[in-house]
Amino acid sequence: MLHTHLTLRQLRAFCFVAQEQSMTRAAEKLFLTTSALSMLIRSLEEELGLRLFERTTRRVMLTDAGAELLPTALRTLDQLDSTVRLLQATHLKQSESLRVATSPLLAASLMPVVISQFRREFPGVRVELLDVPVADVAEAVRSGQADIGVCTSGQESRDLKSEVIFQDALCVACPEGHALAAMDSVEWSDLVEFPLVLLKPGTGLRNLLEKPMQRWAGQFRLEYEVANIHTALGLIGAGLGVSVLPAYSLARADVQGIAARPLTNPQVIREVVTLYAPSKPLPSSAEAFLNRFKKFAAQTPMRI
């Protein structure tokens, strides 16, 4: 009797590659390197003794064997996810509360949707949202004010555990009807022609921009330096300049009149992570909440 030893990681990797038809995009959604994802697929193919994908320079296509496996793999993962949700809904205490510390930008853009979805599945769990300056998220977790923190990576948090929730690409934000809005993607060199609205030096986002901007030092027309992304969005909407912002900053429903385009050559990625104390286990409500957040980020990429 033949026994196979397939793992959930292999099946999940297989499904993501099949759906994305791209190793790179699937790796980004799974928070893996492309080489690590390739190893998972290769180990699955070796375990089955079958080729599951045909690889071309542009895309990854299912073989006949892969096409036969996909419905079963999707059904297996869906049934497992449903069982996990049922278990969590049954065993989460109705009086349990979850305290989440996050930055004002994440609190205004992504958190409302994630919390809404979570509350629909777990109506008995009270979610307390602490919107604090991004530099204070780690301290809120450290002091016990919050069970978990959600923020961009790079904060002073080496004493805390950190886990990536999703990756976000920086984009160009400009008024609708602007010349840059007519382009499919924008390169850094294209920005030298237009007035820029950037965050002030010393902020996390500005620090991230310094390296790619060095190549064109002295050529950029820096019109405004502001302390808050919401201020930058207001100036852009009024036609006073263009900016480089995280894609999720434009996920809010009230951001109107602004277009976003991918920024390339180079593309700049930053990670959004969760922080929690290593001294005690995560509450079951926190694990369920983070699973919903990761699923939301994977299924609803920040489209630009």
C-alpha atoms as a PDB file:
ATOM      1  CA  MET A   1       0.000   0.000   0.000  1.00  0.00           C
ATOM      2  CA  LEU A   2       1.406   3.376  -1.042  1.00  0.00           C
ATOM      3  CA  HIS A   3       1.525   6.040   1.667  1.00  0.00           C
ATOM      4  CA  THR A   4       2.154   9.678   0.823  1.00  0.00           C
ATOM      5  CA  HIS A   5       3.224  12.242   3.391  1.00  0.00           C
ATOM      6  CA  LEU A   6       1.797  15.473   2.061  1.00  0.00           C
ATOM      7  CA  THR A   7       1.866  18.507   4.332  1.00  0.00           C
ATOM      8  CA  LEU A   8      -0.579  21.365   4.613  1.00  0.00           C
ATOM      9  CA  ARG A   9       2.231  23.783   3.734  1.00  0.00           C
ATOM     10  CA  GLN A  10       2.801  21.898   0.477  1.00  0.00           C
ATOM     11  CA  LEU A  11      -0.896  21.890  -0.413  1.00  0.00           C
ATOM     12  CA  ARG A  12      -1.323  25.567   0.456  1.00  0.00           C
ATOM     13  CA  ALA A  13       1.745  26.474  -1.613  1.00  0.00           C
ATOM     14  CA  PHE A  14       0.434  24.404  -4.534  1.00  0.00           C
ATOM     15  CA  CYS A  15      -2.976  26.128  -4.435  1.00  0.00           C
ATOM     16  CA  PHE A  16      -1.506  29.628  -4.288  1.00  0.00           C
ATOM     17  CA  VAL A  17       0.831  28.994  -7.236  1.00  0.00           C
ATOM     18  CA  ALA A  18      -2.012  27.444  -9.234  1.00  0.00           C
ATOM     19  CA  GLN A  19      -4.291  30.410  -8.572  1.00  0.00           C
ATOM     20  CA  GLU A  20      -1.666  33.126  -9.117  1.00  0.00           C
ATOM     21  CA  GLN A  21       0.077  31.379 -12.047  1.00  0.00           C
ATOM     22  CA  SER A  22       3.224  33.034 -10.719  1.00  0.00           C
ATOM     23  CA  MET A  23       5.842  31.901  -8.209  1.00  0.00           C
ATOM     24  CA  THR A  24       6.683  35.494  -7.333  1.00  0.00           C
ATOM     25  CA  ARG A  25       3.119  36.608  -6.571  1.00  0.00           C
ATOM     26  CA  ALA A  26       2.332  33.403  -4.674  1.00  0.00           C
ATOM     27  CA  ALA A  27       5.506  33.778  -2.600  1.00  0.00           C
ATOM     28  CA  GLU A  28       4.547  37.350  -1.667  1.00  0.00           C
ATOM     29  CA  LYS A  29       1.099  36.252  -0.485  1.00  0.00           C
ATOM     30  CA  LEU A  30       2.564  33.376   1.541  1.00  0.00           C
ATOM     31  CA  PHE A  31       5.333  35.592   2.970  1.00  0.00           C
ATOM     32  CA  LEU A  32       7.992  33.247   1.600  1.00  0.00           C
ATOM     33  CA  THR A  33      10.997  33.763  -0.608  1.00  0.00           C
ATOM     34  CA  THR A  34      10.592  32.492  -4.161  1.00  0.00           C
ATOM     35  CA  SER A  35      13.290  29.879  -3.563  1.00  0.00           C
ATOM     36  CA  ALA A  36      11.530  28.581  -0.411  1.00  0.00           C
ATOM     37  CA  LEU A  37       8.246  28.304  -2.321  1.00  0.00           C
ATOM     38  CA  SER A  38       9.975  26.508  -5.201  1.00  0.00           C
ATOM     39  CA  MET A  39      11.401  23.994  -2.713  1.00  0.00           C
ATOM     40  CA  LEU A  40       7.928  23.322  -1.321  1.00  0.00           C
ATOM     41  CA  ILE A  41       6.522  22.698  -4.804  1.00  0.00           C
ATOM     42  CA  ARG A  42       9.493  20.534  -5.743  1.00  0.00           C
ATOM     43  CA  SER A  43       9.138  18.445  -2.587  1.00  0.00           C
ATOM     44  CA  LEU A  44       5.415  17.966  -3.316  1.00  0.00           C
ATOM     45  CA  GLU A  45       6.146  16.853  -6.876  1.00  0.00           C
ATOM     46  CA  GLU A  46       8.820  14.453  -5.621  1.00  0.00           C
ATOM     47  CA  GLU A  47       6.450  13.035  -3.009  1.00  0.00           C
ATOM     48  CA  LEU A  48       3.786  12.398  -5.665  1.00  0.00           C
ATOM     49  CA  GLY A  49       6.222  11.402  -8.394  1.00  0.00           C
ATOM     50  CA  LEU A  50       4.386  13.752 -10.754  1.00  0.00           C
ATOM     51  CA  ARG A  51       5.000  17.105 -12.369  1.00  0.00           C
ATOM     52  CA  LEU A  52       2.309  19.529 -11.305  1.00  0.00           C
ATOM     53  CA  PHE A  53       3.406  22.663 -13.185  1.00  0.00           C
ATOM     54  CA  GLU A  54       4.842  23.645 -16.538  1.00  0.00           C
ATOM     55  CA  ARG A  55       7.073  26.680 -16.120  1.00  0.00           C
ATOM     56  CA  THR A  56       7.559  29.302 -18.826  1.00  0.00           C
ATOM     57  CA  THR A  57       9.365  32.623 -18.680  1.00  0.00           C
ATOM     58  CA  ARG A  58       6.086  34.470 -18.045  1.00  0.00           C
ATOM     59  CA  ARG A  59       3.790  32.161 -16.121  1.00  0.00           C
ATOM     60  CA  VAL A  60       3.366  28.867 -14.350  1.00  0.00           C
ATOM     61  CA  MET A  61       0.696  26.553 -15.748  1.00  0.00           C
ATOM     62  CA  LEU A  62      -0.862  23.414 -14.296  1.00  0.00           C
ATOM     63  CA  THR A  63      -0.112  20.076 -15.920  1.00  0.00           C
ATOM     64  CA  ASP A  64      -2.968  17.605 -16.365  1.00  0.00           C
ATOM     65  CA  ALA A  65      -1.968  15.989 -13.055  1.00  0.00           C
ATOM     66  CA  GLY A  66      -1.930  19.366 -11.345  1.00  0.00           C
ATOM     67  CA  ALA A  67      -5.363  20.231 -12.711  1.00  0.00           C
ATOM     68  CA  GLU A  68      -6.724  16.973 -11.300  1.00  0.00           C
ATOM     69  CA  LEU A  69      -5.182  17.614  -7.884  1.00  0.00           C
ATOM     70  CA  LEU A  70      -6.294  21.250  -7.531  1.00  0.00           C
ATOM     71  CA  PRO A  71     -10.039  20.761  -6.731  1.00  0.00           C
ATOM     72  CA  THR A  72      -9.239  18.197  -4.030  1.00  0.00           C
ATOM     73  CA  ALA A  73      -6.494  20.361  -2.540  1.00  0.00           C
ATOM     74  CA  LEU A  74      -8.767  23.428  -2.441  1.00  0.00           C
ATOM     75  CA  ARG A  75     -11.589  21.406  -0.916  1.00  0.00           C
ATOM     76  CA  THR A  76      -9.262  19.944   1.741  1.00  0.00           C
ATOM     77  CA  LEU A  77      -7.936  23.345   2.772  1.00  0.00           C
ATOM     78  CA  ASP A  78     -11.417  24.871   2.766  1.00  0.00           C
ATOM     79  CA  GLN A  79     -12.776  22.080   4.984  1.00  0.00           C
ATOM     80  CA  LEU A  80      -9.853  22.488   7.373  1.00  0.00           C
ATOM     81  CA  ASP A  81     -10.326  26.261   7.553  1.00  0.00           C
ATOM     82  CA  SER A  82     -14.042  25.786   8.203  1.00  0.00           C
ATOM     83  CA  THR A  83     -13.339  23.308  11.004  1.00  0.00           C
ATOM     84  CA  VAL A  84     -10.792  25.645  12.593  1.00  0.00           C
ATOM     85  CA  ARG A  85     -13.263  28.548  12.454  1.00  0.00           C
ATOM     86  CA  LEU A  86     -15.946  26.378  14.064  1.00  0.00           C
ATOM     87  CA  LEU A  87     -13.591  25.286  16.824  1.00  0.00           C
ATOM     88  CA  GLN A  88     -12.521  28.845  17.502  1.00  0.00           C
ATOM     89  CA  ALA A  89     -16.090  30.125  17.508  1.00  0.00           C
ATOM     90  CA  THR A  90     -17.086  27.357  19.932  1.00  0.00           C
ATOM     91  CA  HIS A  91     -14.195  27.701  22.343  1.00  0.00           C
ATOM     92  CA  LEU A  92     -13.518  31.428  22.380  1.00  0.00           C
ATOM     93  CA  LYS A  93     -14.912  32.794  25.608  1.00  0.00           C
ATOM     94  CA  GLN A  94     -17.946  34.973  25.033  1.00  0.00           C
ATOM     95  CA  SER A  95     -16.615  37.475  27.560  1.00  0.00           C
ATOM     96  CA  GLU A  96     -13.129  37.567  26.072  1.00  0.00           C
ATOM     97  CA  SER A  97     -11.674  40.868  24.920  1.00  0.00           C
ATOM     98  CA  LEU A  98      -8.789  41.610  22.590  1.00  0.00           C
ATOM     99  CA  ARG A  99      -6.715  44.787  22.826  1.00  0.00           C
ATOM    100  CA  VAL A 100      -4.983  45.798  19.586  1.00  0.00           C
ATOM    101  CA  ALA A 101      -2.500  48.666  19.387  1.00  0.00           C
ATOM    102  CA  THR A 102      -1.790  50.099  15.950  1.00  0.00           C
ATOM    103  CA  SER A 103      -0.789  53.272  14.149  1.00  0.00           C
ATOM    104  CA  PRO A 104      -3.412  55.915  13.257  1.00  0.00           C
ATOM    105  CA  LEU A 105      -2.973  55.168   9.542  1.00  0.00           C
ATOM    106  CA  LEU A 106      -3.612  51.438   9.893  1.00  0.00           C
ATOM    107  CA  ALA A 107      -6.419  52.174  12.349  1.00  0.00           C
ATOM    108  CA  ALA A 108      -8.134  54.347   9.739  1.00  0.00           C
ATOM    109  CA  SER A 109      -7.436  52.271   6.628  1.00  0.00           C
ATOM    110  CA  LEU A 110      -7.341  48.497   7.137  1.00  0.00           C
ATOM    111  CA  MET A 111      -8.385  47.863  10.731  1.00  0.00           C
ATOM    112  CA  PRO A 112     -12.080  48.793  10.360  1.00  0.00           C
ATOM    113  CA  VAL A 113     -12.604  46.137   7.667  1.00  0.00           C
ATOM    114  CA  VAL A 114     -10.645  43.447   9.534  1.00  0.00           C
ATOM    115  CA  ILE A 115     -12.412  44.164  12.835  1.00  0.00           C
ATOM    116  CA  SER A 116     -15.797  44.139  11.108  1.00  0.00           C
ATOM    117  CA  GLN A 117     -15.122  40.730   9.538  1.00  0.00           C
ATOM    118  CA  PHE A 118     -13.775  39.369  12.828  1.00  0.00           C
ATOM    119  CA  ARG A 119     -16.776  40.581  14.825  1.00  0.00           C
ATOM    120  CA  ARG A 120     -19.171  38.915  12.392  1.00  0.00           C
ATOM    121  CA  GLU A 121     -17.470  35.565  13.036  1.00  0.00           C
ATOM    122  CA  PHE A 122     -16.862  36.103  16.759  1.00  0.00           C
ATOM    123  CA  PRO A 123     -19.595  38.458  18.008  1.00  0.00           C
ATOM    124  CA  GLY A 124     -18.843  37.620  21.634  1.00  0.00           C
ATOM    125  CA  VAL A 125     -15.282  38.934  21.526  1.00  0.00           C
ATOM    126  CA  ARG A 126     -14.861  42.614  22.309  1.00  0.00           C
ATOM    127  CA  VAL A 127     -12.102  44.275  20.263  1.00  0.00           C
ATOM    128  CA  GLU A 128     -10.485  47.331  21.852  1.00  0.00           C
ATOM    129  CA  LEU A 129      -8.507  49.448  19.374  1.00  0.00           C
ATOM    130  CA  LEU A 130      -5.664  51.650  20.608  1.00  0.00           C
ATOM    131  CA  ASP A 131      -4.542  54.060  17.887  1.00  0.00           C
ATOM    132  CA  VAL A 132      -1.186  55.413  19.017  1.00  0.00           C
ATOM    133  CA  PRO A 133       1.852  56.886  17.247  1.00  0.00           C
ATOM    134  CA  VAL A 134       3.647  54.103  15.404  1.00  0.00           C
ATOM    135  CA  ALA A 135       6.706  54.522  17.659  1.00  0.00           C
ATOM    136  CA  ASP A 136       4.495  53.749  20.695  1.00  0.00           C
ATOM    137  CA  VAL A 137       2.942  50.494  19.422  1.00  0.00           C
ATOM    138  CA  ALA A 138       5.725  48.308  20.808  1.00  0.00           C
ATOM    139  CA  GLU A 139       5.573  50.033  24.206  1.00  0.00           C
ATOM    140  CA  ALA A 140       1.807  49.451  24.400  1.00  0.00           C
ATOM    141  CA  VAL A 141       2.456  45.705  24.033  1.00  0.00           C
ATOM    142  CA  ARG A 142       5.462  45.805  26.335  1.00  0.00           C
ATOM    143  CA  SER A 143       3.516  47.539  29.116  1.00  0.00           C
ATOM    144  CA  GLY A 144       0.505  45.232  28.847  1.00  0.00           C
ATOM    145  CA  GLN A 145      -1.853  47.903  27.523  1.00  0.00           C
ATOM    146  CA  ALA A 146      -2.342  45.800  24.375  1.00  0.00           C
ATOM    147  CA  ASP A 147      -2.356  42.069  23.712  1.00  0.00           C
ATOM    148  CA  ILE A 148      -0.877  42.573  20.250  1.00  0.00           C
ATOM    149  CA  GLY A 149       0.479  45.401  18.171  1.00  0.00           C
ATOM    150  CA  VAL A 150       0.201  45.870  14.419  1.00  0.00           C
ATOM    151  CA  CYS A 151       2.655  48.248  12.755  1.00  0.00           C
ATOM    152  CA  THR A 152       5.319  48.551  10.092  1.00  0.00           C
ATOM    153  CA  SER A 153       8.557  46.703  10.770  1.00  0.00           C
ATOM    154  CA  GLY A 154      11.663  48.518  11.894  1.00  0.00           C
ATOM    155  CA  GLN A 155      10.349  49.680  15.268  1.00  0.00           C
ATOM    156  CA  GLU A 156      12.419  49.157  18.423  1.00  0.00           C
ATOM    157  CA  SER A 157      10.929  45.796  19.350  1.00  0.00           C
ATOM    158  CA  ARG A 158      13.735  43.254  19.630  1.00  0.00           C
ATOM    159  CA  ASP A 159      12.421  42.112  23.016  1.00  0.00           C
ATOM    160  CA  LEU A 160       9.055  41.243  21.443  1.00  0.00           C
ATOM    161  CA  LYS A 161       8.073  38.480  19.066  1.00  0.00           C
ATOM    162  CA  SER A 162       7.372  39.645  15.534  1.00  0.00           C
ATOM    163  CA  GLU A 163       5.449  37.994  12.689  1.00  0.00           C
ATOM    164  CA  VAL A 164       4.800  39.331   9.189  1.00  0.00           C
ATOM    165  CA  ILE A 165       1.132  39.908   8.327  1.00  0.00           C
ATOM    166  CA  PHE A 166       1.580  41.262   4.810  1.00  0.00           C
ATOM    167  CA  GLN A 167       3.953  43.158   2.555  1.00  0.00           C
ATOM    168  CA  ASP A 168       3.058  46.529   1.097  1.00  0.00           C
ATOM    169  CA  ALA A 169       4.662  48.233  -1.912  1.00  0.00           C
ATOM    170  CA  LEU A 170       5.201  51.966  -1.961  1.00  0.00           C
ATOM    171  CA  CYS A 171       3.273  53.716  -4.711  1.00  0.00           C
ATOM    172  CA  VAL A 172       2.973  57.131  -6.321  1.00  0.00           C
ATOM    173  CA  ALA A 173      -0.110  59.076  -5.244  1.00  0.00           C
ATOM    174  CA  CYS A 174      -1.236  61.891  -7.518  1.00  0.00           C
ATOM    175  CA  PRO A 175      -4.447  63.739  -8.423  1.00  0.00           C
ATOM    176  CA  GLU A 176      -6.789  61.959 -10.810  1.00  0.00           C
ATOM    177  CA  GLY A 177      -6.200  63.384 -14.269  1.00  0.00           C
ATOM    178  CA  HIS A 178      -2.524  64.022 -13.504  1.00  0.00           C
ATOM    179  CA  ALA A 179       0.056  63.033 -16.140  1.00  0.00           C
ATOM    180  CA  LEU A 180       1.381  60.280 -13.859  1.00  0.00           C
ATOM    181  CA  ALA A 181      -2.128  58.825 -13.487  1.00  0.00           C
ATOM    182  CA  ALA A 182      -2.109  58.059 -17.220  1.00  0.00           C
ATOM    183  CA  MET A 183       0.899  55.750 -16.785  1.00  0.00           C
ATOM    184  CA  ASP A 184       0.652  52.038 -15.945  1.00  0.00           C
ATOM    185  CA  SER A 185       3.623  52.377 -13.595  1.00  0.00           C
ATOM    186  CA  VAL A 186       5.970  55.169 -12.555  1.00  0.00           C
ATOM    187  CA  GLU A 187       9.736  55.160 -12.135  1.00  0.00           C
ATOM    188  CA  TRP A 188      11.549  57.290  -9.563  1.00  0.00           C
ATOM    189  CA  SER A 189      13.141  59.305 -12.351  1.00  0.00           C
ATOM    190  CA  ASP A 190       9.658  60.368 -13.528  1.00  0.00           C
ATOM    191  CA  LEU A 191       9.097  62.216 -10.240  1.00  0.00           C
ATOM    192  CA  VAL A 192      11.793  64.853 -10.820  1.00  0.00           C
ATOM    193  CA  GLU A 193       9.403  66.804 -13.060  1.00  0.00           C
ATOM    194  CA  PHE A 194       6.747  67.363 -10.386  1.00  0.00           C
ATOM    195  CA  PRO A 195       6.474  69.033  -6.963  1.00  0.00           C
ATOM    196  CA  LEU A 196       6.700  66.484  -4.157  1.00  0.00           C
ATOM    197  CA  VAL A 197       4.794  66.181  -0.911  1.00  0.00           C
ATOM    198  CA  LEU A 198       6.799  64.019   1.497  1.00  0.00           C
ATOM    199  CA  LEU A 199       6.774  63.190   5.174  1.00  0.00           C
ATOM    200  CA  LYS A 200       9.337  64.998   7.296  1.00  0.00           C
ATOM    201  CA  PRO A 201      12.878  63.627   7.756  1.00  0.00           C
ATOM    202  CA  GLY A 202      13.122  61.212  10.677  1.00  0.00           C
ATOM    203  CA  THR A 203       9.763  59.523  10.092  1.00  0.00           C
ATOM    204  CA  GLY A 204       9.802  55.828   9.240  1.00  0.00           C
ATOM    205  CA  LEU A 205       8.418  56.359   5.743  1.00  0.00           C
ATOM    206  CA  ARG A 206      10.853  59.151   4.924  1.00  0.00           C
ATOM    207  CA  ASN A 207      13.779  57.024   6.125  1.00  0.00           C
ATOM    208  CA  LEU A 208      12.630  54.321   3.713  1.00  0.00           C
ATOM    209  CA  LEU A 209      12.673  56.808   0.819  1.00  0.00           C
ATOM    210  CA  GLU A 210      16.136  58.217   1.454  1.00  0.00           C
ATOM    211  CA  LYS A 211      18.115  55.420  -0.233  1.00  0.00           C
ATOM    212  CA  PRO A 212      16.223  55.278  -3.570  1.00  0.00           C
ATOM    213  CA  MET A 213      16.081  59.096  -3.663  1.00  0.00           C
ATOM    214  CA  GLN A 214      19.868  59.448  -3.362  1.00  0.00           C
ATOM    215  CA  ARG A 215      20.366  58.598  -7.022  1.00  0.00           C
ATOM    216  CA  TRP A 216      18.528  61.774  -8.031  1.00  0.00           C
ATOM    217  CA  ALA A 217      19.713  63.935  -5.123  1.00  0.00           C
ATOM    218  CA  GLY A 218      19.238  67.611  -5.864  1.00  0.00           C
ATOM    219  CA  GLN A 219      16.842  66.965  -8.755  1.00  0.00           C
ATOM    220  CA  PHE A 220      13.604  66.450  -6.833  1.00  0.00           C
ATOM    221  CA  ARG A 221      11.329  69.467  -6.293  1.00  0.00           C
ATOM    222  CA  LEU A 222      10.395  69.132  -2.637  1.00  0.00           C
ATOM    223  CA  GLU A 223       7.331  71.354  -2.201  1.00  0.00           C
ATOM    224  CA  TYR A 224       5.952  70.291   1.201  1.00  0.00           C
ATOM    225  CA  GLU A 225       7.255  68.266   4.162  1.00  0.00           C
ATOM    226  CA  VAL A 226       4.490  67.213   6.530  1.00  0.00           C
ATOM    227  CA  ALA A 227       4.197  65.138   9.685  1.00  0.00           C
ATOM    228  CA  ASN A 228       1.032  63.249   8.790  1.00  0.00           C
ATOM    229  CA  ILE A 229       0.022  61.141   5.789  1.00  0.00           C
ATOM    230  CA  HIS A 230      -3.521  62.513   6.001  1.00  0.00           C
ATOM    231  CA  THR A 231      -2.065  66.001   5.464  1.00  0.00           C
ATOM    232  CA  ALA A 232      -0.144  64.722   2.448  1.00  0.00           C
ATOM    233  CA  LEU A 233      -3.336  63.234   1.003  1.00  0.00           C
ATOM    234  CA  GLY A 234      -5.134  66.542   1.463  1.00  0.00           C
ATOM    235  CA  LEU A 235      -2.394  68.449  -0.380  1.00  0.00           C
ATOM    236  CA  ILE A 236      -2.340  65.884  -3.200  1.00  0.00           C
ATOM    237  CA  GLY A 237      -6.116  65.999  -3.548  1.00  0.00           C
ATOM    238  CA  ALA A 238      -5.904  69.780  -3.860  1.00  0.00           C
ATOM    239  CA  GLY A 239      -3.483  69.423  -6.779  1.00  0.00           C
ATOM    240  CA  LEU A 240      -0.476  70.789  -4.882  1.00  0.00           C
ATOM    241  CA  GLY A 241       1.897  67.910  -5.578  1.00  0.00           C
ATOM    242  CA  VAL A 242       2.477  64.171  -5.806  1.00  0.00           C
ATOM    243  CA  SER A 243       3.820  61.822  -3.174  1.00  0.00           C
ATOM    244  CA  VAL A 244       5.279  58.388  -2.437  1.00  0.00           C
ATOM    245  CA  LEU A 245       3.046  56.552   0.035  1.00  0.00           C
ATOM    246  CA  PRO A 246       2.252  53.017   1.218  1.00  0.00           C
ATOM    247  CA  ALA A 247      -0.449  51.479  -0.954  1.00  0.00           C
ATOM    248  CA  TYR A 248      -2.663  50.686   2.032  1.00  0.00           C
ATOM    249  CA  SER A 249      -2.866  54.404   2.890  1.00  0.00           C
ATOM    250  CA  LEU A 250      -5.289  54.758  -0.034  1.00  0.00           C
ATOM    251  CA  ALA A 251      -7.524  51.884   1.105  1.00  0.00           C
ATOM    252  CA  ARG A 252      -9.817  54.211   3.068  1.00  0.00           C
ATOM    253  CA  ALA A 253     -13.231  54.852   1.550  1.00  0.00           C
ATOM    254  CA  ASP A 254     -12.958  58.623   2.046  1.00  0.00           C
ATOM    255  CA  VAL A 255      -9.790  58.987  -0.066  1.00  0.00           C
ATOM    256  CA  GLN A 256     -11.248  60.452  -3.250  1.00  0.00           C
ATOM    257  CA  GLY A 257      -9.807  62.287  -6.217  1.00  0.00           C
ATOM    258  CA  ILE A 258      -6.421  60.590  -5.834  1.00  0.00           C
ATOM    259  CA  ALA A 259      -4.915  57.981  -8.142  1.00  0.00           C
ATOM    260  CA  ALA A 260      -2.174  55.521  -7.183  1.00  0.00           C
ATOM    261  CA  ARG A 261       0.334  53.895  -9.513  1.00  0.00           C
ATOM    262  CA  PRO A 262       3.063  51.286  -8.866  1.00  0.00           C
ATOM    263  CA  LEU A 263       6.501  52.795  -8.259  1.00  0.00           C
ATOM    264  CA  THR A 264       9.366  50.858  -9.832  1.00  0.00           C
ATOM    265  CA  ASN A 265      13.072  50.923 -10.556  1.00  0.00           C
ATOM    266  CA  PRO A 266      13.498  50.267  -7.725  1.00  0.00           C
ATOM    267  CA  GLN A 267      10.343  48.855  -6.153  1.00  0.00           C
ATOM    268  CA  VAL A 268      10.332  49.473  -2.404  1.00  0.00           C
ATOM    269  CA  ILE A 269       8.550  46.997  -0.128  1.00  0.00           C
ATOM    270  CA  ARG A 270       7.891  47.286   3.570  1.00  0.00           C
ATOM    271  CA  GLU A 271       6.406  44.748   5.949  1.00  0.00           C
ATOM    272  CA  VAL A 272       3.456  45.139   8.282  1.00  0.00           C
ATOM    273  CA  VAL A 273       4.006  42.941  11.342  1.00  0.00           C
ATOM    274  CA  THR A 274       2.305  41.932  14.545  1.00  0.00           C
ATOM    275  CA  LEU A 275       4.142  42.286  17.844  1.00  0.00           C
ATOM    276  CA  TYR A 276       3.425  40.324  21.011  1.00  0.00           C
ATOM    277  CA  ALA A 277       5.139  39.507  24.272  1.00  0.00           C
ATOM    278  CA  PRO A 278       7.244  36.315  24.265  1.00  0.00           C
ATOM    279  CA  SER A 279       6.625  35.675  27.964  1.00  0.00           C
ATOM    280  CA  LYS A 280       3.021  34.509  27.594  1.00  0.00           C
ATOM    281  CA  PRO A 281       1.043  32.638  24.938  1.00  0.00           C
ATOM    282  CA  LEU A 282      -1.182  34.558  22.574  1.00  0.00           C
ATOM    283  CA  PRO A 283      -4.854  34.582  23.555  1.00  0.00           C
ATOM    284  CA  SER A 284      -6.962  32.420  21.263  1.00  0.00           C
ATOM    285  CA  SER A 285      -8.824  35.567  20.215  1.00  0.00           C
ATOM    286  CA  ALA A 286      -5.538  37.150  19.081  1.00  0.00           C
ATOM    287  CA  GLU A 287      -4.615  34.100  16.998  1.00  0.00           C
ATOM    288  CA  ALA A 288      -8.053  34.134  15.356  1.00  0.00           C
ATOM    289  CA  PHE A 289      -7.808  37.880  14.708  1.00  0.00           C
ATOM    290  CA  LEU A 290      -4.360  37.618  13.099  1.00  0.00           C
ATOM    291  CA  ASN A 291      -5.505  34.719  10.935  1.00  0.00           C
ATOM    292  CA  ARG A 292      -8.359  36.893   9.663  1.00  0.00           C
ATOM    293  CA  PHE A 293      -5.967  39.779   9.036  1.00  0.00           C
ATOM    294  CA  LYS A 294      -3.566  37.585   7.031  1.00  0.00           C
ATOM    295  CA  LYS A 295      -6.421  36.108   5.030  1.00  0.00           C
ATOM    296  CA  PHE A 296      -7.825  39.567   4.309  1.00  0.00           C
ATOM    297  CA  ALA A 297      -4.409  40.803   3.165  1.00  0.00           C
ATOM    298  CA  ALA A 298      -3.878  37.744   0.961  1.00  0.00           C
ATOM    299  CA  GLN A 299      -7.309  37.864  -0.667  1.00  0.00           C
ATOM    300  CA  THR A 300      -7.521  41.650  -0.914  1.00  0.00           C
ATOM    301  CA  PRO A 301      -4.114  42.893  -2.036  1.00  0.00           C
ATOM    302  CA  MET A 302      -3.623  46.640  -1.976  1.00  0.00           C
ATOM    303  CA  ARG A 303      -4.443  47.137  -5.629  1.00  0.00           C
ATOM    304  CA  ILE A 304      -2.835  50.137  -7.337  1.00  0.00           C
END
